[in-house]
PDB file of N, CA and C in Angstrom:
ATOM      1  N   UNK A   1      -4.780   7.754  -4.849  1.00  0.00           N
ATOM      2  CA  UNK A   1      -5.678   6.870  -5.068  1.00  0.00           C
ATOM      3  C   UNK A   1      -6.569   6.502  -3.635  1.00  0.00           C
ATOM      4  N   UNK A   2      -7.812   6.444  -3.477  1.00  0.00           N
ATOM      5  CA  UNK A   2      -8.460   6.388  -2.024  1.00  0.00           C
ATOM      6  C   UNK A   2      -8.767   4.466  -2.287  1.00  0.00           C
ATOM      7  N   UNK A   3      -9.115   4.491  -1.627  1.00  0.00           N
ATOM      8  CA  UNK A   3     -10.176   3.379  -1.079  1.00  0.00           C
ATOM      9  C   UNK A   3     -11.163   3.224  -0.341  1.00  0.00           C
ATOM     10  N   UNK A   4     -12.280   2.385  -0.369  1.00  0.00           N
ATOM     11  CA  UNK A   4     -13.310   2.276   0.428  1.00  0.00           C
ATOM     12  C   UNK A   4     -13.753   0.770   0.506  1.00  0.00           C
ATOM     13  N   UNK A   5     -13.764   0.588   1.528  1.00  0.00           N
ATOM     14  CA  UNK A   5     -13.309  -1.316   2.383  1.00  0.00           C
ATOM     15  C   UNK A   5     -14.707  -0.667   3.532  1.00  0.00           C
ATOM     16  N   UNK A   6     -16.054  -1.949   3.053  1.00  0.00           N
ATOM     17  CA  UNK A   6     -16.836  -2.123   3.471  1.00  0.00           C
ATOM     18  C   UNK A   6     -17.100  -3.012   4.400  1.00  0.00           C
ATOM     19  N   UNK A   7     -17.300  -3.509   5.436  1.00  0.00           N
ATOM     20  CA  UNK A   7     -17.892  -4.476   6.076  1.00  0.00           C
ATOM     21  C   UNK A   7     -19.343  -5.022   6.448  1.00  0.00           C
ATOM     22  N   UNK A   8     -19.867  -5.798   5.474  1.00  0.00           N
ATOM     23  CA  UNK A   8     -21.388  -6.075   4.829  1.00  0.00           C
ATOM     24  C   UNK A   8     -21.710  -7.191   5.671  1.00  0.00           C
ATOM     25  N   UNK A   9     -22.895  -6.539   6.421  1.00  0.00           N
ATOM     26  CA  UNK A   9     -24.094  -7.158   6.822  1.00  0.00           C
ATOM     27  C   UNK A   9     -25.186  -7.144   5.971  1.00  0.00           C
ATOM     28  N   UNK A  10     -25.682  -8.902   6.034  1.00  0.00           N
ATOM     29  CA  UNK A  10     -26.605  -9.079   5.401  1.00  0.00           C
ATOM     30  C   UNK A  10     -28.295  -8.609   5.775  1.00  0.00           C
ATOM     31  N   UNK A  11     -29.131  -8.229   4.905  1.00  0.00           N
ATOM     32  CA  UNK A  11     -31.127  -8.512   5.245  1.00  0.00           C
ATOM     33  C   UNK A  11     -30.771  -9.273   5.877  1.00  0.00           C
ATOM     34  N   UNK A  12     -31.511  -9.297   6.988  1.00  0.00           N
ATOM     35  CA  UNK A  12     -31.898 -10.174   8.039  1.00  0.00           C
ATOM     36  C   UNK A  12     -33.133 -11.367   7.531  1.00  0.00           C
ATOM     37  N   UNK A  13     -33.520 -11.142   6.032  1.00  0.00           N
ATOM     38  CA  UNK A  13     -34.363 -11.548   5.890  1.00  0.00           C
ATOM     39  C   UNK A  13     -34.117 -12.667   4.854  1.00  0.00           C
ATOM     40  N   UNK A  14     -32.795 -12.422   4.341  1.00  0.00           N
ATOM     41  CA  UNK A  14     -32.561 -13.485   3.751  1.00  0.00           C
ATOM     42  C   UNK A  14     -31.131 -14.381   4.346  1.00  0.00           C
ATOM     43  N   UNK A  15     -30.576 -15.539   3.785  1.00  0.00           N
ATOM     44  CA  UNK A  15     -29.771 -16.357   4.432  1.00  0.00           C
ATOM     45  C   UNK A  15     -28.512 -16.183   3.735  1.00  0.00           C
ATOM     46  N   UNK A  16     -27.151 -16.582   4.661  1.00  0.00           N
ATOM     47  CA  UNK A  16     -26.197 -16.219   4.282  1.00  0.00           C
ATOM     48  C   UNK A  16     -25.756 -16.701   2.780  1.00  0.00           C
ATOM     49  N   UNK A  17     -26.028 -17.637   2.207  1.00  0.00           N
ATOM     50  CA  UNK A  17     -25.809 -18.491   0.911  1.00  0.00           C
ATOM     51  C   UNK A  17     -26.494 -17.333  -0.089  1.00  0.00           C
ATOM     52  N   UNK A  18     -27.689 -16.806   0.363  1.00  0.00           N
ATOM     53  CA  UNK A  18     -28.616 -16.454  -0.960  1.00  0.00           C
ATOM     54  C   UNK A  18     -27.701 -15.024  -1.114  1.00  0.00           C
ATOM     55  N   UNK A  19     -27.252 -14.408   0.072  1.00  0.00           N
ATOM     56  CA  UNK A  19     -26.353 -12.989   0.428  1.00  0.00           C
ATOM     57  C   UNK A  19     -25.130 -13.033  -0.797  1.00  0.00           C
ATOM     58  N   UNK A  20     -24.706 -14.329  -0.251  1.00  0.00           N
ATOM     59  CA  UNK A  20     -23.052 -14.620  -1.391  1.00  0.00           C
ATOM     60  C   UNK A  20     -23.466 -14.793  -2.705  1.00  0.00           C
ATOM     61  N   UNK A  21     -24.530 -15.376  -3.506  1.00  0.00           N
ATOM     62  CA  UNK A  21     -24.630 -15.455  -4.403  1.00  0.00           C
ATOM     63  C   UNK A  21     -25.456 -14.304  -5.342  1.00  0.00           C
ATOM     64  N   UNK A  22     -26.241 -13.436  -4.087  1.00  0.00           N
ATOM     65  CA  UNK A  22     -26.605 -12.644  -4.614  1.00  0.00           C
ATOM     66  C   UNK A  22     -25.411 -10.994  -5.375  1.00  0.00           C
ATOM     67  N   UNK A  23     -24.199 -11.092  -4.091  1.00  0.00           N
ATOM     68  CA  UNK A  23     -23.726 -10.456  -4.155  1.00  0.00           C
ATOM     69  C   UNK A  23     -22.709 -10.241  -5.388  1.00  0.00           C
ATOM     70  N   UNK A  24     -22.444 -11.692  -5.577  1.00  0.00           N
ATOM     71  CA  UNK A  24     -21.395 -12.240  -6.674  1.00  0.00           C
ATOM     72  C   UNK A  24     -22.157 -12.005  -8.423  1.00  0.00           C
ATOM     73  N   UNK A  25     -23.039 -12.650  -8.141  1.00  0.00           N
ATOM     74  CA  UNK A  25     -24.108 -13.137  -9.402  1.00  0.00           C
ATOM     75  C   UNK A  25     -25.027 -11.955  -9.683  1.00  0.00           C
ATOM     76  N   UNK A  26     -25.900 -11.153  -8.773  1.00  0.00           N
ATOM     77  CA  UNK A  26     -25.906  -9.620  -9.300  1.00  0.00           C
ATOM     78  C   UNK A  26     -25.682  -8.296  -9.004  1.00  0.00           C
ATOM     79  N   UNK A  27     -24.929  -8.312  -7.427  1.00  0.00           N
ATOM     80  CA  UNK A  27     -24.461  -7.077  -7.424  1.00  0.00           C
ATOM     81  C   UNK A  27     -23.330  -6.554  -8.050  1.00  0.00           C
ATOM     82  N   UNK A  28     -22.398  -7.452  -7.925  1.00  0.00           N
ATOM     83  CA  UNK A  28     -20.978  -7.245  -8.770  1.00  0.00           C
ATOM     84  C   UNK A  28     -21.420  -6.869  -9.871  1.00  0.00           C
ATOM     85  N   UNK A  29     -22.178  -7.391 -11.061  1.00  0.00           N
ATOM     86  CA  UNK A  29     -22.244  -7.156 -12.149  1.00  0.00           C
ATOM     87  C   UNK A  29     -22.852  -6.037 -12.270  1.00  0.00           C
ATOM     88  N   UNK A  30     -23.797  -5.664 -11.620  1.00  0.00           N
ATOM     89  CA  UNK A  30     -24.577  -4.015 -11.851  1.00  0.00           C
ATOM     90  C   UNK A  30     -23.719  -3.216 -11.381  1.00  0.00           C
ATOM     91  N   UNK A  31     -22.499  -3.362  -9.957  1.00  0.00           N
ATOM     92  CA  UNK A  31     -21.757  -2.217 -10.186  1.00  0.00           C
ATOM     93  C   UNK A  31     -20.924  -1.910 -11.223  1.00  0.00           C
ATOM     94  N   UNK A  32     -20.658  -3.294 -12.169  1.00  0.00           N
ATOM     95  CA  UNK A  32     -19.381  -3.374 -12.934  1.00  0.00           C
ATOM     96  C   UNK A  32     -19.897  -2.226 -14.150  1.00  0.00           C
ATOM     97  N   UNK A  33     -21.912  -2.286 -14.656  1.00  0.00           N
ATOM     98  CA  UNK A  33     -22.476  -1.652 -15.660  1.00  0.00           C
ATOM     99  C   UNK A  33     -22.231  -0.449 -15.080  1.00  0.00           C
ATOM    100  N   UNK A  34     -21.999   0.495 -14.374  1.00  0.00           N
ATOM    101  CA  UNK A  34     -21.795   1.847 -14.081  1.00  0.00           C
ATOM    102  C   UNK A  34     -21.091   2.590 -14.820  1.00  0.00           C
ATOM    103  N   UNK A  35     -21.599   3.539 -16.024  1.00  0.00           N
ATOM    104  CA  UNK A  35     -20.332   3.748 -17.355  1.00  0.00           C
ATOM    105  C   UNK A  35     -19.025   4.601 -16.090  1.00  0.00           C
ATOM    106  N   UNK A  36     -19.354   5.565 -15.349  1.00  0.00           N
ATOM    107  CA  UNK A  36     -18.402   6.144 -14.874  1.00  0.00           C
ATOM    108  C   UNK A  36     -16.946   4.617 -13.987  1.00  0.00           C
ATOM    109  N   UNK A  37     -17.390   3.700 -13.650  1.00  0.00           N
ATOM    110  CA  UNK A  37     -16.389   3.116 -13.036  1.00  0.00           C
ATOM    111  C   UNK A  37     -15.605   2.760 -13.896  1.00  0.00           C
ATOM    112  N   UNK A  38     -15.674   2.679 -15.437  1.00  0.00           N
ATOM    113  CA  UNK A  38     -14.714   2.282 -15.846  1.00  0.00           C
ATOM    114  C   UNK A  38     -13.909   3.102 -16.265  1.00  0.00           C
ATOM    115  N   UNK A  39     -14.007   4.309 -15.425  1.00  0.00           N
ATOM    116  CA  UNK A  39     -13.295   5.687 -16.181  1.00  0.00           C
ATOM    117  C   UNK A  39     -12.237   5.762 -14.661  1.00  0.00           C
ATOM    118  N   UNK A  40     -13.072   5.457 -13.433  1.00  0.00           N
ATOM    119  CA  UNK A  40     -12.633   5.796 -11.788  1.00  0.00           C
ATOM    120  C   UNK A  40     -12.200   4.645 -11.131  1.00  0.00           C
ATOM    121  N   UNK A  41     -13.052   3.211 -10.663  1.00  0.00           N
ATOM    122  CA  UNK A  41     -12.381   2.494 -10.405  1.00  0.00           C
ATOM    123  C   UNK A  41     -11.317   1.594 -10.788  1.00  0.00           C
ATOM    124  N   UNK A  42     -10.004   1.521  -9.919  1.00  0.00           N
ATOM    125  CA  UNK A  42      -9.333   0.879 -10.113  1.00  0.00           C
ATOM    126  C   UNK A  42      -9.161  -0.948 -10.107  1.00  0.00           C
ATOM    127  N   UNK A  43     -10.030  -1.435  -8.931  1.00  0.00           N
ATOM    128  CA  UNK A  43      -9.930  -2.606  -8.551  1.00  0.00           C
ATOM    129  C   UNK A  43     -11.147  -2.559  -7.691  1.00  0.00           C
ATOM    130  N   UNK A  44     -11.923  -3.858  -7.617  1.00  0.00           N
ATOM    131  CA  UNK A  44     -13.175  -4.265  -6.960  1.00  0.00           C
ATOM    132  C   UNK A  44     -13.500  -5.437  -6.603  1.00  0.00           C
ATOM    133  N   UNK A  45     -12.940  -5.741  -5.562  1.00  0.00           N
ATOM    134  CA  UNK A  45     -13.264  -7.120  -5.005  1.00  0.00           C
ATOM    135  C   UNK A  45     -13.396  -7.663  -4.234  1.00  0.00           C
ATOM    136  N   UNK A  46     -14.723  -8.540  -3.853  1.00  0.00           N
ATOM    137  CA  UNK A  46     -15.455  -8.949  -2.601  1.00  0.00           C
ATOM    138  C   UNK A  46     -15.075  -9.801  -1.861  1.00  0.00           C
ATOM    139  N   UNK A  47     -15.307 -10.152  -0.675  1.00  0.00           N
ATOM    140  CA  UNK A  47     -15.164 -11.579   0.177  1.00  0.00           C
ATOM    141  C   UNK A  47     -15.689 -11.867   0.592  1.00  0.00           C
ATOM    142  N   UNK A  48     -16.054 -13.455   1.247  1.00  0.00           N
ATOM    143  CA  UNK A  48     -16.846 -13.846   1.565  1.00  0.00           C
ATOM    144  C   UNK A  48     -16.649 -14.664   2.729  1.00  0.00           C
ATOM    145  N   UNK A  49     -16.610 -15.227   3.659  1.00  0.00           N
ATOM    146  CA  UNK A  49     -15.811 -15.869   4.901  1.00  0.00           C
ATOM    147  C   UNK A  49     -16.105 -17.295   4.408  1.00  0.00           C
ATOM    148  N   UNK A  50     -14.773 -17.978   4.886  1.00  0.00           N
ATOM    149  CA  UNK A  50     -14.929 -19.467   4.674  1.00  0.00           C
ATOM    150  C   UNK A  50     -15.019 -20.027   6.374  1.00  0.00           C
ATOM    151  N   UNK A  51     -15.540 -21.413   5.969  1.00  0.00           N
ATOM    152  CA  UNK A  51     -15.363 -21.980   7.943  1.00  0.00           C
ATOM    153  C   UNK A  51     -14.270 -22.959   7.581  1.00  0.00           C
ATOM    154  N   UNK A  52     -13.562 -22.943   9.100  1.00  0.00           N
ATOM    155  CA  UNK A  52     -12.374 -23.441   8.979  1.00  0.00           C
ATOM    156  C   UNK A  52     -12.022 -23.797  10.164  1.00  0.00           C
ATOM    157  N   UNK A  53     -10.924 -24.104  11.013  1.00  0.00           N
ATOM    158  CA  UNK A  53      -9.927 -23.408  11.940  1.00  0.00           C
ATOM    159  C   UNK A  53      -8.853 -23.100  11.765  1.00  0.00           C
ATOM    160  N   UNK A  54      -9.565 -21.745  12.309  1.00  0.00           N
ATOM    161  CA  UNK A  54      -8.014 -20.676  11.621  1.00  0.00           C
ATOM    162  C   UNK A  54      -7.580 -20.220  13.111  1.00  0.00           C
ATOM    163  N   UNK A  55      -6.530 -19.458  13.614  1.00  0.00           N
ATOM    164  CA  UNK A  55      -5.880 -19.277  14.626  1.00  0.00           C
ATOM    165  C   UNK A  55      -6.328 -17.900  14.749  1.00  0.00           C
ATOM    166  N   UNK A  56      -7.289 -16.975  14.117  1.00  0.00           N
ATOM    167  CA  UNK A  56      -8.090 -15.908  14.789  1.00  0.00           C
ATOM    168  C   UNK A  56      -9.540 -15.880  14.403  1.00  0.00           C
ATOM    169  N   UNK A  57      -9.902 -15.020  15.535  1.00  0.00           N
ATOM    170  CA  UNK A  57     -11.449 -15.181  15.797  1.00  0.00           C
ATOM    171  C   UNK A  57     -12.047 -14.364  14.221  1.00  0.00           C
ATOM    172  N   UNK A  58     -12.985 -15.020  13.336  1.00  0.00           N
ATOM    173  CA  UNK A  58     -13.979 -14.521  12.389  1.00  0.00           C
ATOM    174  C   UNK A  58     -14.989 -13.155  13.229  1.00  0.00           C
ATOM    175  N   UNK A  59     -14.893 -12.439  12.196  1.00  0.00           N
ATOM    176  CA  UNK A  59     -16.108 -11.666  12.357  1.00  0.00           C
ATOM    177  C   UNK A  59     -16.975 -11.684  11.988  1.00  0.00           C
ATOM    178  N   UNK A  60     -17.947 -11.255  12.755  1.00  0.00           N
ATOM    179  CA  UNK A  60     -19.464 -11.452  11.862  1.00  0.00           C
ATOM    180  C   UNK A  60     -19.952 -11.311  11.296  1.00  0.00           C
ATOM    181  N   UNK A  61     -19.707 -10.596   9.872  1.00  0.00           N
ATOM    182  CA  UNK A  61     -19.885 -10.131   9.130  1.00  0.00           C
ATOM    183  C   UNK A  61     -20.686 -10.960   7.493  1.00  0.00           C
ATOM    184  N   UNK A  62     -20.865 -11.074   7.156  1.00  0.00           N
ATOM    185  CA  UNK A  62     -21.343 -11.475   5.797  1.00  0.00           C
ATOM    186  C   UNK A  62     -20.368 -11.454   4.743  1.00  0.00           C
ATOM    187  N   UNK A  63     -19.151 -10.771   4.751  1.00  0.00           N
ATOM    188  CA  UNK A  63     -18.662 -10.272   3.725  1.00  0.00           C
ATOM    189  C   UNK A  63     -17.977  -9.108   3.847  1.00  0.00           C
ATOM    190  N   UNK A  64     -16.978  -8.525   2.540  1.00  0.00           N
ATOM    191  CA  UNK A  64     -16.605  -7.525   2.677  1.00  0.00           C
ATOM    192  C   UNK A  64     -16.479  -7.049   0.849  1.00  0.00           C
ATOM    193  N   UNK A  65     -16.340  -6.073   0.704  1.00  0.00           N
ATOM    194  CA  UNK A  65     -16.244  -5.353  -0.439  1.00  0.00           C
ATOM    195  C   UNK A  65     -14.994  -4.373  -0.501  1.00  0.00           C
ATOM    196  N   UNK A  66     -14.280  -4.043  -1.032  1.00  0.00           N
ATOM    197  CA  UNK A  66     -13.028  -3.398  -1.433  1.00  0.00           C
ATOM    198  C   UNK A  66     -12.736  -2.107  -2.814  1.00  0.00           C
ATOM    199  N   UNK A  67     -13.237  -1.265  -2.690  1.00  0.00           N
ATOM    200  CA  UNK A  67     -12.963  -0.674  -3.939  1.00  0.00           C
ATOM    201  C   UNK A  67     -11.972   0.249  -4.077  1.00  0.00           C
ATOM    202  N   UNK A  68     -11.439   0.573  -4.873  1.00  0.00           N
ATOM    203  CA  UNK A  68     -10.185   1.715  -5.113  1.00  0.00           C
ATOM    204  C   UNK A  68     -10.902   2.300  -6.393  1.00  0.00           C
ATOM    205  N   UNK A  69     -10.804   3.697  -5.842  1.00  0.00           N
ATOM    206  CA  UNK A  69     -10.875   4.542  -6.782  1.00  0.00           C
ATOM    207  C   UNK A  69      -9.628   5.614  -7.145  1.00  0.00           C
ATOM    208  N   UNK A  70      -9.879   5.757  -8.462  1.00  0.00           N
ATOM    209  CA  UNK A  70      -8.835   6.946  -8.991  1.00  0.00           C
ATOM    210  C   UNK A  70      -8.455   8.103  -8.140  1.00  0.00           C
ATOM    211  N   UNK A  71      -9.438   8.525  -7.230  1.00  0.00           N
ATOM    212  CA  UNK A  71      -9.663   9.989  -6.695  1.00  0.00           C
ATOM    213  C   UNK A  71     -10.998   9.864  -5.925  1.00  0.00           C
ATOM    214  N   UNK A  72     -11.250  10.925  -5.066  1.00  0.00           N
ATOM    215  CA  UNK A  72     -12.045  11.359  -4.069  1.00  0.00           C
ATOM    216  C   UNK A  72     -12.986  11.833  -5.220  1.00  0.00           C
ATOM    217  N   UNK A  73     -13.002  12.739  -6.163  1.00  0.00           N
ATOM    218  CA  UNK A  73     -13.279  13.057  -7.176  1.00  0.00           C
ATOM    219  C   UNK A  73     -14.298  11.731  -7.932  1.00  0.00           C
ATOM    220  N   UNK A  74     -13.654  10.650  -8.406  1.00  0.00           N
ATOM    221  CA  UNK A  74     -13.691  10.098  -9.013  1.00  0.00           C
ATOM    222  C   UNK A  74     -15.250   8.785  -8.304  1.00  0.00           C
ATOM    223  N   UNK A  75     -14.558   8.772  -7.188  1.00  0.00           N
ATOM    224  CA  UNK A  75     -15.432   7.917  -6.013  1.00  0.00           C
ATOM    225  C   UNK A  75     -16.877   8.981  -6.432  1.00  0.00           C
ATOM    226  N   UNK A  76     -17.017  10.122  -6.145  1.00  0.00           N
ATOM    227  CA  UNK A  76     -18.351  10.829  -6.039  1.00  0.00           C
ATOM    228  C   UNK A  76     -18.624  10.821  -7.427  1.00  0.00           C
ATOM    229  N   UNK A  77     -17.626  10.979  -8.571  1.00  0.00           N
ATOM    230  CA  UNK A  77     -18.685  10.666  -9.853  1.00  0.00           C
ATOM    231  C   UNK A  77     -19.304   9.024  -9.690  1.00  0.00           C
ATOM    232  N   UNK A  78     -18.800   8.212  -9.427  1.00  0.00           N
ATOM    233  CA  UNK A  78     -19.601   6.562  -9.340  1.00  0.00           C
ATOM    234  C   UNK A  78     -20.296   7.022  -8.970  1.00  0.00           C
ATOM    235  N   UNK A  79     -20.588   7.265  -6.895  1.00  0.00           N
ATOM    236  CA  UNK A  79     -21.726   7.172  -6.619  1.00  0.00           C
ATOM    237  C   UNK A  79     -22.368   7.608  -6.599  1.00  0.00           C
ATOM    238  N   UNK A  80     -22.247   8.798  -7.250  1.00  0.00           N
ATOM    239  CA  UNK A  80     -23.108   9.983  -7.487  1.00  0.00           C
ATOM    240  C   UNK A  80     -23.922   9.840  -9.159  1.00  0.00           C
ATOM    241  N   UNK A  81     -23.303   9.053  -9.662  1.00  0.00           N
ATOM    242  CA  UNK A  81     -23.616   8.196 -11.368  1.00  0.00           C
ATOM    243  C   UNK A  81     -25.809   8.086 -11.330  1.00  0.00           C
ATOM    244  N   UNK A  82     -26.009   8.670 -11.979  1.00  0.00           N
ATOM    245  CA  UNK A  82     -27.113   7.655 -12.255  1.00  0.00           C
ATOM    246  C   UNK A  82     -27.587   6.730 -12.336  1.00  0.00           C
ATOM    247  N   UNK A  83     -26.428   6.020 -12.513  1.00  0.00           N
ATOM    248  CA  UNK A  83     -26.733   3.964 -12.542  1.00  0.00           C
ATOM    249  C   UNK A  83     -26.604   3.848 -11.110  1.00  0.00           C
ATOM    250  N   UNK A  84     -25.555   4.293 -10.499  1.00  0.00           N
ATOM    251  CA  UNK A  84     -25.628   3.924  -8.950  1.00  0.00           C
ATOM    252  C   UNK A  84     -26.731   4.361  -8.243  1.00  0.00           C
ATOM    253  N   UNK A  85     -27.466   5.589  -8.215  1.00  0.00           N
ATOM    254  CA  UNK A  85     -28.437   6.153  -7.935  1.00  0.00           C
ATOM    255  C   UNK A  85     -29.812   5.079  -7.996  1.00  0.00           C
ATOM    256  N   UNK A  86     -29.746   5.052  -8.854  1.00  0.00           N
ATOM    257  CA  UNK A  86     -31.326   4.271  -9.534  1.00  0.00           C
ATOM    258  C   UNK A  86     -31.107   2.739  -9.891  1.00  0.00           C
ATOM    259  N   UNK A  87     -29.856   2.104  -9.987  1.00  0.00           N
ATOM    260  CA  UNK A  87     -30.071   1.081 -10.168  1.00  0.00           C
ATOM    261  C   UNK A  87     -29.234  -0.233  -9.104  1.00  0.00           C
ATOM    262  N   UNK A  88     -28.052   0.688  -8.854  1.00  0.00           N
ATOM    263  CA  UNK A  88     -26.792  -0.312  -7.549  1.00  0.00           C
ATOM    264  C   UNK A  88     -27.427   0.097  -6.123  1.00  0.00           C
ATOM    265  N   UNK A  89     -27.736   1.263  -5.811  1.00  0.00           N
ATOM    266  CA  UNK A  89     -28.055   1.829  -4.377  1.00  0.00           C
ATOM    267  C   UNK A  89     -29.618   0.594  -4.310  1.00  0.00           C
ATOM    268  N   UNK A  90     -30.105   1.436  -4.744  1.00  0.00           N
ATOM    269  CA  UNK A  90     -31.688   0.319  -4.892  1.00  0.00           C
ATOM    270  C   UNK A  90     -31.394  -1.301  -4.511  1.00  0.00           C
ATOM    271  N   UNK A  91     -30.742  -1.634  -5.561  1.00  0.00           N
ATOM    272  CA  UNK A  91     -30.424  -3.003  -5.280  1.00  0.00           C
ATOM    273  C   UNK A  91     -29.841  -3.313  -4.046  1.00  0.00           C
ATOM    274  N   UNK A  92     -29.043  -2.737  -3.230  1.00  0.00           N
ATOM    275  CA  UNK A  92     -28.170  -2.786  -2.361  1.00  0.00           C
ATOM    276  C   UNK A  92     -29.147  -3.180  -0.639  1.00  0.00           C
ATOM    277  N   UNK A  93     -30.281  -2.236  -1.074  1.00  0.00           N
ATOM    278  CA  UNK A  93     -31.155  -2.677   0.200  1.00  0.00           C
ATOM    279  C   UNK A  93     -32.254  -3.931  -0.217  1.00  0.00           C
ATOM    280  N   UNK A  94     -31.758  -4.927  -1.426  1.00  0.00           N
ATOM    281  CA  UNK A  94     -32.749  -5.695  -0.712  1.00  0.00           C
ATOM    282  C   UNK A  94     -31.329  -7.037  -0.446  1.00  0.00           C
ATOM    283  N   UNK A  95     -30.693  -7.280  -0.282  1.00  0.00           N
ATOM    284  CA  UNK A  95     -29.774  -7.866   0.425  1.00  0.00           C
ATOM    285  C   UNK A  95     -28.732  -7.128   1.576  1.00  0.00           C
ATOM    286  N   UNK A  96     -29.082  -6.245   1.599  1.00  0.00           N
ATOM    287  CA  UNK A  96     -27.953  -5.663   2.741  1.00  0.00           C
ATOM    288  C   UNK A  96     -29.051  -4.882   3.882  1.00  0.00           C
ATOM    289  N   UNK A  97     -28.361  -5.289   4.812  1.00  0.00           N
ATOM    290  CA  UNK A  97     -28.611  -4.512   5.961  1.00  0.00           C
ATOM    291  C   UNK A  97     -27.223  -3.240   6.377  1.00  0.00           C
ATOM    292  N   UNK A  98     -27.836  -2.168   5.770  1.00  0.00           N
ATOM    293  CA  UNK A  98     -27.134  -0.855   5.725  1.00  0.00           C
ATOM    294  C   UNK A  98     -27.088  -0.139   7.132  1.00  0.00           C
ATOM    295  N   UNK A  99     -28.007  -0.449   8.580  1.00  0.00           N
ATOM    296  CA  UNK A  99     -28.067  -0.076   9.488  1.00  0.00           C
ATOM    297  C   UNK A  99     -26.581  -0.367  10.014  1.00  0.00           C
ATOM    298  N   UNK A 100     -26.048  -1.667   9.519  1.00  0.00           N
ATOM    299  CA  UNK A 100     -24.736  -2.340  10.448  1.00  0.00           C
ATOM    300  C   UNK A 100     -23.758  -2.452   9.612  1.00  0.00           C
ATOM    301  N   UNK A 101     -23.808  -2.256   8.112  1.00  0.00           N
ATOM    302  CA  UNK A 101     -22.545  -2.283   7.551  1.00  0.00           C
ATOM    303  C   UNK A 101     -21.751  -0.930   7.873  1.00  0.00           C
ATOM    304  N   UNK A 102     -20.493  -1.280   7.479  1.00  0.00           N
ATOM    305  CA  UNK A 102     -19.212  -0.412   8.243  1.00  0.00           C
ATOM    306  C   UNK A 102     -18.434  -0.097   6.774  1.00  0.00           C
ATOM    307  N   UNK A 103     -18.730   1.270   6.712  1.00  0.00           N
ATOM    308  CA  UNK A 103     -17.594   1.704   5.302  1.00  0.00           C
ATOM    309  C   UNK A 103     -16.449   2.892   6.409  1.00  0.00           C
ATOM    310  N   UNK A 104     -15.222   2.408   5.374  1.00  0.00           N
ATOM    311  CA  UNK A 104     -14.244   2.894   5.849  1.00  0.00           C
ATOM    312  C   UNK A 104     -13.559   3.229   4.511  1.00  0.00           C
ATOM    313  N   UNK A 105     -12.796   4.916   4.432  1.00  0.00           N
ATOM    314  CA  UNK A 105     -12.905   5.882   3.188  1.00  0.00           C
ATOM    315  C   UNK A 105     -11.625   5.953   3.719  1.00  0.00           C
ATOM    316  N   UNK A 106      -9.906   5.440   2.756  1.00  0.00           N
ATOM    317  CA  UNK A 106      -8.994   6.074   3.495  1.00  0.00           C
ATOM    318  C   UNK A 106      -7.934   5.939   2.401  1.00  0.00           C
ATOM    319  N   UNK A 107      -6.435   5.802   2.232  1.00  0.00           N
ATOM    320  CA  UNK A 107      -5.477   5.854   1.662  1.00  0.00           C
ATOM    321  C   UNK A 107      -4.769   4.613   2.139  1.00  0.00           C
ATOM    322  N   UNK A 108      -4.425   3.592   1.591  1.00  0.00           N
ATOM    323  CA  UNK A 108      -3.803   2.430   1.573  1.00  0.00           C
ATOM    324  C   UNK A 108      -2.746   2.773   1.317  1.00  0.00           C
ATOM    325  N   UNK A 109      -1.221   1.888   2.671  1.00  0.00           N
ATOM    326  CA  UNK A 109      -0.489   1.847   2.683  1.00  0.00           C
ATOM    327  C   UNK A 109       0.205   0.289   2.561  1.00  0.00           C
ATOM    328  N   UNK A 110       1.032   0.616   1.363  1.00  0.00           N
ATOM    329  CA  UNK A 110       1.789  -0.996   1.094  1.00  0.00           C
ATOM    330  C   UNK A 110       2.716  -1.489   2.256  1.00  0.00           C
ATOM    331  N   UNK A 111       2.784  -2.527   2.720  1.00  0.00           N
ATOM    332  CA  UNK A 111       3.681  -2.888   3.666  1.00  0.00           C
ATOM    333  C   UNK A 111       4.339  -4.242   3.580  1.00  0.00           C
ATOM    334  N   UNK A 112       3.812  -4.859   2.386  1.00  0.00           N
ATOM    335  CA  UNK A 112       4.536  -6.315   1.571  1.00  0.00           C
ATOM    336  C   UNK A 112       4.189  -6.234   0.370  1.00  0.00           C
ATOM    337  N   UNK A 113       4.731  -5.647  -0.560  1.00  0.00           N
ATOM    338  CA  UNK A 113       4.177  -5.761  -2.108  1.00  0.00           C
ATOM    339  C   UNK A 113       3.792  -7.489  -2.614  1.00  0.00           C
ATOM    340  N   UNK A 114       3.051  -6.920  -3.573  1.00  0.00           N
ATOM    341  CA  UNK A 114       2.475  -8.052  -4.391  1.00  0.00           C
ATOM    342  C   UNK A 114       3.572  -8.586  -4.885  1.00  0.00           C
ATOM    343  N   UNK A 115       3.290 -10.259  -4.251  1.00  0.00           N
ATOM    344  CA  UNK A 115       4.544 -11.358  -4.844  1.00  0.00           C
ATOM    345  C   UNK A 115       4.269 -11.809  -6.402  1.00  0.00           C
ATOM    346  N   UNK A 116       3.011 -11.821  -6.863  1.00  0.00           N
ATOM    347  CA  UNK A 116       3.305 -12.384  -7.548  1.00  0.00           C
ATOM    348  C   UNK A 116       3.113 -11.836  -9.246  1.00  0.00           C
TER     349      UNK A 116
END
């Protein structure tokens, strides 16, 4: 299994609320429509910051996306697919700032098991 974690910055031409709405309601379903994702994506979650008085400083990002793939080859199949290249990636350009978005691809080590 391979995990891709993205720290997302919004396109500066749109507001944070518009970014969150687009990410959830347009981009998520568009990514889900990739036929290869059904075979190779094990999980995909989005996280968006909430306001509050937290005991840690908030990073200056508009959200994250985490995608678990069955393998590196599966990741290549999804990101190299016609649907990703011709629909999903062009959509990213409308709401993301690719220049400041950070991506980490790695293996995950579980420290505390899912208790639910």
